[in-house]
Amino acid sequence: MSKKSIIIIVVLAIIAIFTYTKYNGMVGLSEDAKTAWSNVESEYQRRSDLIKNLVNTVKGAADFEKSTLEAVINARAKATSTQINVDDLTPENMTKFQQAQDGLSGALSRLLVTVERYPDLKANQNFLKLQDELASTENSVRTSRNRFNKAVNDFNKSVKTFPNNLFAGMFGFKDMARFKAAAGSENAPDVEFDFSN
């Protein structure tokens, strides 16, 4: 074997190892981001399940405004029916999914504000436990979304930086959409208490 042949074989081996390493690195980061998204969905499912129990507890414990409960039930149904495929995390799909989740959050907030008018319900142990569980779940949702954004950030940096971007294009890797806050969420909500009742 000639010296030239050995050099060509060594160069090809280095390129093959480099390509193998870059490809596997991008696959690993992509899978980490997909797992992080599954964790977000899991937290939303937990919230959805808790809301069903909360609504049933509220129904049973108070002569409650029907429209408020219906808004929560409808928002929950819409949020659970709006799904996003983990392999298609585009900005458009993320926006649709987030809008459904925001609708549920808003309806739930209105329900909890309305509950303030029912002292018997506020003292109900089942309701208090569910309210605590919901608060805990909302914190878990926030944490999962932050972890998802971190995983997507790591993946996107990998597929956009040189020379990875060459391999990403060659193997069909595209950057993923991050989770974004709802429009207007940067403004603090107005909190009002009516002590006249």
C-alpha atoms as a PDB file:
ATOM      1  CA  MET A   1       0.000   0.000   0.000  1.00  0.00           C
ATOM      2  CA  SER A   2       1.350   3.360  -0.972  1.00  0.00           C
ATOM      3  CA  LYS A   3       1.834   6.308   1.347  1.00  0.00           C
ATOM      4  CA  LYS A   4      -0.805   8.262  -0.619  1.00  0.00           C
ATOM      5  CA  SER A   5      -3.389   5.475  -0.103  1.00  0.00           C
ATOM      6  CA  ILE A   6      -2.713   5.411   3.641  1.00  0.00           C
ATOM      7  CA  ILE A   7      -3.187   9.188   3.872  1.00  0.00           C
ATOM      8  CA  ILE A   8      -6.483   8.969   1.949  1.00  0.00           C
ATOM      9  CA  ILE A   9      -7.714   6.151   4.216  1.00  0.00           C
ATOM     10  CA  VAL A  10      -6.740   8.094   7.360  1.00  0.00           C
ATOM     11  CA  VAL A  11      -8.442  11.280   6.094  1.00  0.00           C
ATOM     12  CA  LEU A  12     -11.608   9.321   5.186  1.00  0.00           C
ATOM     13  CA  ALA A  13     -11.573   7.634   8.601  1.00  0.00           C
ATOM     14  CA  ILE A  14     -11.268  11.016  10.344  1.00  0.00           C
ATOM     15  CA  ILE A  15     -14.152  12.420   8.275  1.00  0.00           C
ATOM     16  CA  ALA A  16     -16.264   9.339   9.016  1.00  0.00           C
ATOM     17  CA  ILE A  17     -15.586   9.557  12.761  1.00  0.00           C
ATOM     18  CA  PHE A  18     -16.249  13.304  12.751  1.00  0.00           C
ATOM     19  CA  THR A  19     -19.545  12.822  10.843  1.00  0.00           C
ATOM     20  CA  TYR A  20     -20.572   9.955  13.132  1.00  0.00           C
ATOM     21  CA  THR A  21     -19.861  12.029  16.247  1.00  0.00           C
ATOM     22  CA  LYS A  22     -21.675  15.129  14.981  1.00  0.00           C
ATOM     23  CA  TYR A  23     -24.698  13.153  13.778  1.00  0.00           C
ATOM     24  CA  ASN A  24     -25.037  11.214  17.032  1.00  0.00           C
ATOM     25  CA  GLY A  25     -24.622  14.419  19.036  1.00  0.00           C
ATOM     26  CA  MET A  26     -27.464  16.091  17.139  1.00  0.00           C
ATOM     27  CA  VAL A  27     -29.671  13.001  17.515  1.00  0.00           C
ATOM     28  CA  GLY A  28     -29.006  12.986  21.257  1.00  0.00           C
ATOM     29  CA  LEU A  29     -29.883  16.670  21.628  1.00  0.00           C
ATOM     30  CA  SER A  30     -32.986  16.250  19.471  1.00  0.00           C
ATOM     31  CA  GLU A  31     -34.161  13.345  21.620  1.00  0.00           C
ATOM     32  CA  ASP A  32     -33.470  15.335  24.798  1.00  0.00           C
ATOM     33  CA  ALA A  33     -35.674  18.153  23.471  1.00  0.00           C
ATOM     34  CA  LYS A  34     -38.433  15.689  22.538  1.00  0.00           C
ATOM     35  CA  THR A  35     -38.288  14.141  26.006  1.00  0.00           C
ATOM     36  CA  ALA A  36     -38.488  17.593  27.556  1.00  0.00           C
ATOM     37  CA  TRP A  37     -41.579  18.298  25.433  1.00  0.00           C
ATOM     38  CA  SER A  38     -43.150  15.019  26.591  1.00  0.00           C
ATOM     39  CA  ASN A  39     -42.593  16.187  30.166  1.00  0.00           C
ATOM     40  CA  VAL A  40     -44.421  19.452  29.384  1.00  0.00           C
ATOM     41  CA  GLU A  41     -47.344  17.460  27.958  1.00  0.00           C
ATOM     42  CA  SER A  42     -47.334  15.220  31.018  1.00  0.00           C
ATOM     43  CA  GLU A  43     -47.658  18.225  33.322  1.00  0.00           C
ATOM     44  CA  TYR A  44     -50.485  19.635  31.212  1.00  0.00           C
ATOM     45  CA  GLN A  45     -52.250  16.260  31.416  1.00  0.00           C
ATOM     46  CA  ARG A  46     -51.870  16.278  35.198  1.00  0.00           C
ATOM     47  CA  ARG A  47     -53.351  19.764  35.302  1.00  0.00           C
ATOM     48  CA  SER A  48     -56.231  18.698  33.090  1.00  0.00           C
ATOM     49  CA  ASP A  49     -57.008  15.749  35.346  1.00  0.00           C
ATOM     50  CA  LEU A  50     -56.906  17.947  38.446  1.00  0.00           C
ATOM     51  CA  ILE A  51     -59.198  20.521  36.876  1.00  0.00           C
ATOM     52  CA  LYS A  52     -61.837  17.858  36.263  1.00  0.00           C
ATOM     53  CA  ASN A  53     -61.715  16.975  39.971  1.00  0.00           C
ATOM     54  CA  LEU A  54     -61.747  20.639  40.956  1.00  0.00           C
ATOM     55  CA  VAL A  55     -64.824  21.350  38.838  1.00  0.00           C
ATOM     56  CA  ASN A  56     -66.644  18.348  40.314  1.00  0.00           C
ATOM     57  CA  THR A  57     -65.760  19.447  43.852  1.00  0.00           C
ATOM     58  CA  VAL A  58     -66.943  22.976  43.174  1.00  0.00           C
ATOM     59  CA  LYS A  59     -70.186  21.688  41.620  1.00  0.00           C
ATOM     60  CA  GLY A  60     -70.899  19.566  44.649  1.00  0.00           C
ATOM     61  CA  ALA A  61     -70.016  22.169  47.259  1.00  0.00           C
ATOM     62  CA  ALA A  62     -71.675  25.339  45.998  1.00  0.00           C
ATOM     63  CA  ASP A  63     -74.601  26.758  44.176  1.00  0.00           C
ATOM     64  CA  PHE A  64     -72.146  27.949  41.580  1.00  0.00           C
ATOM     65  CA  GLU A  65     -72.358  30.145  38.515  1.00  0.00           C
ATOM     66  CA  LYS A  66     -73.027  27.785  35.659  1.00  0.00           C
ATOM     67  CA  SER A  67     -71.281  29.953  33.056  1.00  0.00           C
ATOM     68  CA  THR A  68     -67.996  29.965  34.984  1.00  0.00           C
ATOM     69  CA  LEU A  69     -67.958  26.179  35.282  1.00  0.00           C
ATOM     70  CA  GLU A  70     -68.923  25.754  31.627  1.00  0.00           C
ATOM     71  CA  ALA A  71     -66.062  28.052  30.581  1.00  0.00           C
ATOM     72  CA  VAL A  72     -63.582  25.899  32.514  1.00  0.00           C
ATOM     73  CA  ILE A  73     -65.046  22.656  31.142  1.00  0.00           C
ATOM     74  CA  ASN A  74     -64.981  23.969  27.550  1.00  0.00           C
ATOM     75  CA  ALA A  75     -61.458  25.358  27.896  1.00  0.00           C
ATOM     76  CA  ARG A  76     -60.262  22.047  29.348  1.00  0.00           C
ATOM     77  CA  ALA A  77     -61.851  20.146  26.452  1.00  0.00           C
ATOM     78  CA  LYS A  78     -60.180  22.443  23.913  1.00  0.00           C
ATOM     79  CA  ALA A  79     -56.805  22.227  25.666  1.00  0.00           C
ATOM     80  CA  THR A  80     -56.873  18.430  25.773  1.00  0.00           C
ATOM     81  CA  SER A  81     -57.981  18.149  22.135  1.00  0.00           C
ATOM     82  CA  THR A  82     -55.221  20.449  20.856  1.00  0.00           C
ATOM     83  CA  GLN A  83     -52.250  18.158  20.383  1.00  0.00           C
ATOM     84  CA  ILE A  84     -48.839  18.755  18.884  1.00  0.00           C
ATOM     85  CA  ASN A  85     -46.613  16.119  17.355  1.00  0.00           C
ATOM     86  CA  VAL A  86     -43.188  16.063  18.977  1.00  0.00           C
ATOM     87  CA  ASP A  87     -41.609  15.750  15.520  1.00  0.00           C
ATOM     88  CA  ASP A  88     -43.362  18.911  14.314  1.00  0.00           C
ATOM     89  CA  LEU A  89     -42.552  21.567  16.930  1.00  0.00           C
ATOM     90  CA  THR A  90     -42.941  24.507  14.556  1.00  0.00           C
ATOM     91  CA  PRO A  91     -43.655  28.047  15.789  1.00  0.00           C
ATOM     92  CA  GLU A  92     -47.173  27.849  14.290  1.00  0.00           C
ATOM     93  CA  ASN A  93     -48.010  24.570  16.039  1.00  0.00           C
ATOM     94  CA  MET A  94     -46.530  25.810  19.312  1.00  0.00           C
ATOM     95  CA  THR A  95     -48.686  28.961  19.072  1.00  0.00           C
ATOM     96  CA  LYS A  96     -51.903  26.955  18.533  1.00  0.00           C
ATOM     97  CA  PHE A  97     -51.062  24.659  21.430  1.00  0.00           C
ATOM     98  CA  GLN A  98     -50.172  27.546  23.724  1.00  0.00           C
ATOM     99  CA  GLN A  99     -53.375  29.432  22.861  1.00  0.00           C
ATOM    100  CA  ALA A 100     -55.450  26.443  23.978  1.00  0.00           C
ATOM    101  CA  GLN A 101     -53.453  26.169  27.208  1.00  0.00           C
ATOM    102  CA  ASP A 102     -53.760  29.924  27.836  1.00  0.00           C
ATOM    103  CA  GLY A 103     -57.532  29.682  27.413  1.00  0.00           C
ATOM    104  CA  LEU A 104     -57.618  27.008  30.086  1.00  0.00           C
ATOM    105  CA  SER A 105     -55.401  29.038  32.411  1.00  0.00           C
ATOM    106  CA  GLY A 106     -57.663  32.078  32.007  1.00  0.00           C
ATOM    107  CA  ALA A 107     -60.855  30.103  32.669  1.00  0.00           C
ATOM    108  CA  LEU A 108     -59.269  28.477  35.695  1.00  0.00           C
ATOM    109  CA  SER A 109     -58.205  31.876  37.056  1.00  0.00           C
ATOM    110  CA  ARG A 110     -61.777  33.179  36.693  1.00  0.00           C
ATOM    111  CA  LEU A 111     -63.067  30.079  38.491  1.00  0.00           C
ATOM    112  CA  LEU A 112     -60.706  30.576  41.424  1.00  0.00           C
ATOM    113  CA  VAL A 113     -61.581  34.281  41.691  1.00  0.00           C
ATOM    114  CA  THR A 114     -65.304  33.459  41.667  1.00  0.00           C
ATOM    115  CA  VAL A 115     -64.785  30.833  44.366  1.00  0.00           C
ATOM    116  CA  GLU A 116     -63.749  33.620  46.763  1.00  0.00           C
ATOM    117  CA  ARG A 117     -67.449  34.424  47.184  1.00  0.00           C
ATOM    118  CA  TYR A 118     -68.198  30.998  48.682  1.00  0.00           C
ATOM    119  CA  PRO A 119     -66.900  30.680  52.260  1.00  0.00           C
ATOM    120  CA  ASP A 120     -68.160  27.098  52.649  1.00  0.00           C
ATOM    121  CA  LEU A 121     -66.287  26.041  49.545  1.00  0.00           C
ATOM    122  CA  LYS A 122     -63.090  27.781  50.619  1.00  0.00           C
ATOM    123  CA  ALA A 123     -63.193  25.766  53.840  1.00  0.00           C
ATOM    124  CA  ASN A 124     -63.826  22.447  52.051  1.00  0.00           C
ATOM    125  CA  GLN A 125     -60.788  20.202  52.562  1.00  0.00           C
ATOM    126  CA  ASN A 126     -61.135  18.555  49.132  1.00  0.00           C
ATOM    127  CA  PHE A 127     -61.204  21.942  47.452  1.00  0.00           C
ATOM    128  CA  LEU A 128     -58.231  23.215  49.441  1.00  0.00           C
ATOM    129  CA  LYS A 129     -56.227  20.110  48.592  1.00  0.00           C
ATOM    130  CA  LEU A 130     -57.084  20.415  44.903  1.00  0.00           C
ATOM    131  CA  GLN A 131     -56.200  24.102  44.935  1.00  0.00           C
ATOM    132  CA  ASP A 132     -52.792  23.267  46.424  1.00  0.00           C
ATOM    133  CA  GLU A 133     -52.304  20.512  43.845  1.00  0.00           C
ATOM    134  CA  LEU A 134     -53.129  22.946  41.052  1.00  0.00           C
ATOM    135  CA  ALA A 135     -50.645  25.492  42.369  1.00  0.00           C
ATOM    136  CA  SER A 136     -48.003  22.771  42.548  1.00  0.00           C
ATOM    137  CA  THR A 137     -48.873  21.598  39.046  1.00  0.00           C
ATOM    138  CA  GLU A 138     -48.633  25.120  37.626  1.00  0.00           C
ATOM    139  CA  ASN A 139     -45.129  25.350  39.114  1.00  0.00           C
ATOM    140  CA  SER A 140     -44.272  21.985  37.557  1.00  0.00           C
ATOM    141  CA  VAL A 141     -45.620  23.146  34.191  1.00  0.00           C
ATOM    142  CA  ARG A 142     -43.423  26.256  34.376  1.00  0.00           C
ATOM    143  CA  THR A 143     -40.376  24.173  35.306  1.00  0.00           C
ATOM    144  CA  SER A 144     -41.037  21.697  32.488  1.00  0.00           C
ATOM    145  CA  ARG A 145     -41.443  24.509  29.948  1.00  0.00           C
ATOM    146  CA  ASN A 146     -38.150  26.038  31.099  1.00  0.00           C
ATOM    147  CA  ARG A 147     -36.391  22.680  30.786  1.00  0.00           C
ATOM    148  CA  PHE A 148     -37.893  22.219  27.335  1.00  0.00           C
ATOM    149  CA  ASN A 149     -36.633  25.640  26.250  1.00  0.00           C
ATOM    150  CA  LYS A 150     -33.162  24.775  27.579  1.00  0.00           C
ATOM    151  CA  ALA A 151     -33.130  21.472  25.656  1.00  0.00           C
ATOM    152  CA  VAL A 152     -34.351  23.207  22.475  1.00  0.00           C
ATOM    153  CA  ASN A 153     -31.734  25.919  22.950  1.00  0.00           C
ATOM    154  CA  ASP A 154     -28.959  23.317  23.196  1.00  0.00           C
ATOM    155  CA  PHE A 155     -30.263  21.507  20.107  1.00  0.00           C
ATOM    156  CA  ASN A 156     -30.723  24.702  18.074  1.00  0.00           C
ATOM    157  CA  LYS A 157     -27.218  25.909  18.929  1.00  0.00           C
ATOM    158  CA  SER A 158     -25.865  22.561  17.800  1.00  0.00           C
ATOM    159  CA  VAL A 159     -27.632  22.553  14.423  1.00  0.00           C
ATOM    160  CA  LYS A 160     -26.885  26.222  13.681  1.00  0.00           C
ATOM    161  CA  THR A 161     -23.169  26.396  14.508  1.00  0.00           C
ATOM    162  CA  PHE A 162     -20.428  25.619  12.030  1.00  0.00           C
ATOM    163  CA  PRO A 163     -19.558  22.888  10.993  1.00  0.00           C
ATOM    164  CA  ASN A 164     -22.615  21.194  12.559  1.00  0.00           C
ATOM    165  CA  ASN A 165     -24.934  23.235  10.331  1.00  0.00           C
ATOM    166  CA  LEU A 166     -23.454  21.463   7.296  1.00  0.00           C
ATOM    167  CA  PHE A 167     -24.220  18.064   8.786  1.00  0.00           C
ATOM    168  CA  ALA A 168     -27.609  19.200  10.075  1.00  0.00           C
ATOM    169  CA  GLY A 169     -28.638  20.216   6.571  1.00  0.00           C
ATOM    170  CA  MET A 170     -27.241  17.020   5.106  1.00  0.00           C
ATOM    171  CA  PHE A 171     -29.176  14.845   7.587  1.00  0.00           C
ATOM    172  CA  GLY A 172     -32.362  16.952   7.660  1.00  0.00           C
ATOM    173  CA  PHE A 173     -32.108  18.379  11.180  1.00  0.00           C
ATOM    174  CA  LYS A 174     -34.020  21.659  11.595  1.00  0.00           C
ATOM    175  CA  ASP A 175     -34.162  23.967  14.558  1.00  0.00           C
ATOM    176  CA  MET A 176     -37.128  23.564  16.907  1.00  0.00           C
ATOM    177  CA  ALA A 177     -39.540  26.179  18.192  1.00  0.00           C
ATOM    178  CA  ARG A 178     -39.224  27.335  21.778  1.00  0.00           C
ATOM    179  CA  PHE A 179     -42.088  27.779  24.181  1.00  0.00           C
ATOM    180  CA  LYS A 180     -43.199  31.424  24.282  1.00  0.00           C
ATOM    181  CA  ALA A 181     -45.293  33.283  26.822  1.00  0.00           C
ATOM    182  CA  ALA A 182     -48.757  34.443  25.859  1.00  0.00           C
ATOM    183  CA  ALA A 183     -49.112  37.975  24.564  1.00  0.00           C
ATOM    184  CA  GLY A 184     -49.639  40.389  27.439  1.00  0.00           C
ATOM    185  CA  SER A 185     -48.212  38.064  30.071  1.00  0.00           C
ATOM    186  CA  GLU A 186     -45.401  40.532  30.688  1.00  0.00           C
ATOM    187  CA  ASN A 187     -47.954  42.819  32.381  1.00  0.00           C
ATOM    188  CA  ALA A 188     -48.820  42.153  36.012  1.00  0.00           C
ATOM    189  CA  PRO A 189     -52.496  41.216  36.453  1.00  0.00           C
ATOM    190  CA  ASP A 190     -54.837  43.524  38.340  1.00  0.00           C
ATOM    191  CA  VAL A 191     -55.995  41.964  41.574  1.00  0.00           C
ATOM    192  CA  GLU A 192     -59.137  43.327  43.170  1.00  0.00           C
ATOM    193  CA  PHE A 193     -60.884  42.176  46.319  1.00  0.00           C
ATOM    194  CA  ASP A 194     -64.543  42.821  47.005  1.00  0.00           C
ATOM    195  CA  PHE A 195     -64.987  42.855  50.781  1.00  0.00           C
ATOM    196  CA  SER A 196     -68.544  44.141  50.622  1.00  0.00           C
ATOM    197  CA  ASN A 197     -70.039  40.581  50.571  1.00  0.00           C
END
